[in-house]
């Protein structure tokens, strides 16, 4: 969508509708067969976007884009 409808030099952010922490992303991913039984990493410290929330509504409006799956968890649901 960005290549077809975006402007030259535009910056577009893709994100789904449910903000997750890094730990929550890993927990969801471990539901997938490929990662089942894996040990979650330990998250310590405050670097790497801890608490960061992303809003991609401007990207969606600018290029008419929607994520294929409403949330990361919905994507994982298709794998289990």
C-alpha atoms as a PDB file:
ATOM      1  CA  UNK A   1       0.000   0.000   0.000  1.00  0.00           C
ATOM      2  CA  UNK A   2       2.841   2.407   0.828  1.00  0.00           C
ATOM      3  CA  UNK A   3       4.486   1.781  -2.545  1.00  0.00           C
ATOM      4  CA  UNK A   4       1.228   2.066  -4.466  1.00  0.00           C
ATOM      5  CA  UNK A   5      -0.456   4.952  -2.655  1.00  0.00           C
ATOM      6  CA  UNK A   6       2.185   6.607  -0.503  1.00  0.00           C
ATOM      7  CA  UNK A   7       4.064   9.781  -1.268  1.00  0.00           C
ATOM      8  CA  UNK A   8       7.740   9.805  -2.251  1.00  0.00           C
ATOM      9  CA  UNK A   9       9.822  10.087   0.888  1.00  0.00           C
ATOM     10  CA  UNK A  10       6.816   9.409   3.122  1.00  0.00           C
ATOM     11  CA  UNK A  11       7.291   7.479   6.340  1.00  0.00           C
ATOM     12  CA  UNK A  12       4.584   4.972   7.219  1.00  0.00           C
ATOM     13  CA  UNK A  13       4.162   3.040  10.451  1.00  0.00           C
ATOM     14  CA  UNK A  14       2.341  -0.282  10.486  1.00  0.00           C
ATOM     15  CA  UNK A  15       0.813  -1.492  13.736  1.00  0.00           C
ATOM     16  CA  UNK A  16      -2.166  -3.530  14.821  1.00  0.00           C
ATOM     17  CA  UNK A  17      -4.928  -2.532  17.228  1.00  0.00           C
ATOM     18  CA  UNK A  18      -3.543  -3.930  20.493  1.00  0.00           C
ATOM     19  CA  UNK A  19      -0.371  -2.597  22.084  1.00  0.00           C
ATOM     20  CA  UNK A  20       1.704  -5.365  23.686  1.00  0.00           C
ATOM     21  CA  UNK A  21       4.786  -5.390  25.847  1.00  0.00           C
ATOM     22  CA  UNK A  22       7.797  -7.365  24.669  1.00  0.00           C
ATOM     23  CA  UNK A  23       6.920 -10.038  27.205  1.00  0.00           C
ATOM     24  CA  UNK A  24       3.318 -10.226  25.956  1.00  0.00           C
ATOM     25  CA  UNK A  25       4.549 -10.595  22.363  1.00  0.00           C
ATOM     26  CA  UNK A  26       6.741 -13.526  23.393  1.00  0.00           C
ATOM     27  CA  UNK A  27       3.915 -15.102  25.404  1.00  0.00           C
ATOM     28  CA  UNK A  28       1.588 -14.904  22.386  1.00  0.00           C
ATOM     29  CA  UNK A  29       4.293 -16.266  20.059  1.00  0.00           C
ATOM     30  CA  UNK A  30       4.836 -19.274  22.336  1.00  0.00           C
ATOM     31  CA  UNK A  31       1.279 -20.367  21.563  1.00  0.00           C
ATOM     32  CA  UNK A  32       2.398 -21.059  17.964  1.00  0.00           C
ATOM     33  CA  UNK A  33       3.571 -24.612  17.271  1.00  0.00           C
ATOM     34  CA  UNK A  34       6.971 -23.399  16.068  1.00  0.00           C
ATOM     35  CA  UNK A  35       7.733 -21.811  19.442  1.00  0.00           C
ATOM     36  CA  UNK A  36       5.748 -24.076  21.768  1.00  0.00           C
ATOM     37  CA  UNK A  37       7.672 -25.061  24.856  1.00  0.00           C
ATOM     38  CA  UNK A  38      10.277 -22.319  24.438  1.00  0.00           C
ATOM     39  CA  UNK A  39      11.408 -20.458  27.512  1.00  0.00           C
ATOM     40  CA  UNK A  40      10.487 -16.783  27.583  1.00  0.00           C
ATOM     41  CA  UNK A  41      13.404 -14.373  27.652  1.00  0.00           C
ATOM     42  CA  UNK A  42      13.869 -12.296  30.764  1.00  0.00           C
ATOM     43  CA  UNK A  43      13.193  -8.624  30.192  1.00  0.00           C
ATOM     44  CA  UNK A  44      15.053  -6.301  32.475  1.00  0.00           C
ATOM     45  CA  UNK A  45      16.115  -2.712  32.160  1.00  0.00           C
ATOM     46  CA  UNK A  46      14.292   0.126  30.536  1.00  0.00           C
ATOM     47  CA  UNK A  47      15.733   0.274  27.020  1.00  0.00           C
ATOM     48  CA  UNK A  48      14.112  -0.794  23.780  1.00  0.00           C
ATOM     49  CA  UNK A  49      10.777   0.981  23.836  1.00  0.00           C
ATOM     50  CA  UNK A  50       9.454  -0.197  27.194  1.00  0.00           C
ATOM     51  CA  UNK A  51       5.978   1.244  27.588  1.00  0.00           C
ATOM     52  CA  UNK A  52       5.955   2.642  24.066  1.00  0.00           C
ATOM     53  CA  UNK A  53       2.537   2.756  22.405  1.00  0.00           C
ATOM     54  CA  UNK A  54       2.250   3.102  18.645  1.00  0.00           C
ATOM     55  CA  UNK A  55      -0.668   4.642  16.779  1.00  0.00           C
ATOM     56  CA  UNK A  56      -0.787   3.925  13.049  1.00  0.00           C
ATOM     57  CA  UNK A  57      -4.063   5.733  12.321  1.00  0.00           C
ATOM     58  CA  UNK A  58      -2.308   8.389  10.204  1.00  0.00           C
ATOM     59  CA  UNK A  59      -0.693   5.680   8.053  1.00  0.00           C
ATOM     60  CA  UNK A  60      -4.012   3.907   7.647  1.00  0.00           C
ATOM     61  CA  UNK A  61      -5.715   7.120   6.560  1.00  0.00           C
ATOM     62  CA  UNK A  62      -2.894   8.236   4.260  1.00  0.00           C
ATOM     63  CA  UNK A  63      -2.543   5.021   2.260  1.00  0.00           C
ATOM     64  CA  UNK A  64      -5.818   3.215   2.903  1.00  0.00           C
ATOM     65  CA  UNK A  65      -4.098   0.360   4.715  1.00  0.00           C
ATOM     66  CA  UNK A  66      -5.400  -2.045   7.346  1.00  0.00           C
ATOM     67  CA  UNK A  67      -3.458  -4.906   8.936  1.00  0.00           C
ATOM     68  CA  UNK A  68      -4.385  -8.367   7.685  1.00  0.00           C
ATOM     69  CA  UNK A  69      -4.965  -9.455  11.294  1.00  0.00           C
ATOM     70  CA  UNK A  70      -6.559  -7.098  13.806  1.00  0.00           C
ATOM     71  CA  UNK A  71      -4.054  -8.117  16.497  1.00  0.00           C
ATOM     72  CA  UNK A  72      -0.899 -10.211  16.857  1.00  0.00           C
ATOM     73  CA  UNK A  73      -2.911 -12.637  18.981  1.00  0.00           C
ATOM     74  CA  UNK A  74      -5.445 -13.049  16.157  1.00  0.00           C
ATOM     75  CA  UNK A  75      -2.572 -13.956  13.829  1.00  0.00           C
ATOM     76  CA  UNK A  76      -1.247 -16.513  16.329  1.00  0.00           C
ATOM     77  CA  UNK A  77      -4.784 -17.955  16.600  1.00  0.00           C
ATOM     78  CA  UNK A  78      -4.554 -18.889  12.907  1.00  0.00           C
ATOM     79  CA  UNK A  79      -1.444 -20.975  13.620  1.00  0.00           C
ATOM     80  CA  UNK A  80      -2.756 -23.001  16.552  1.00  0.00           C
END
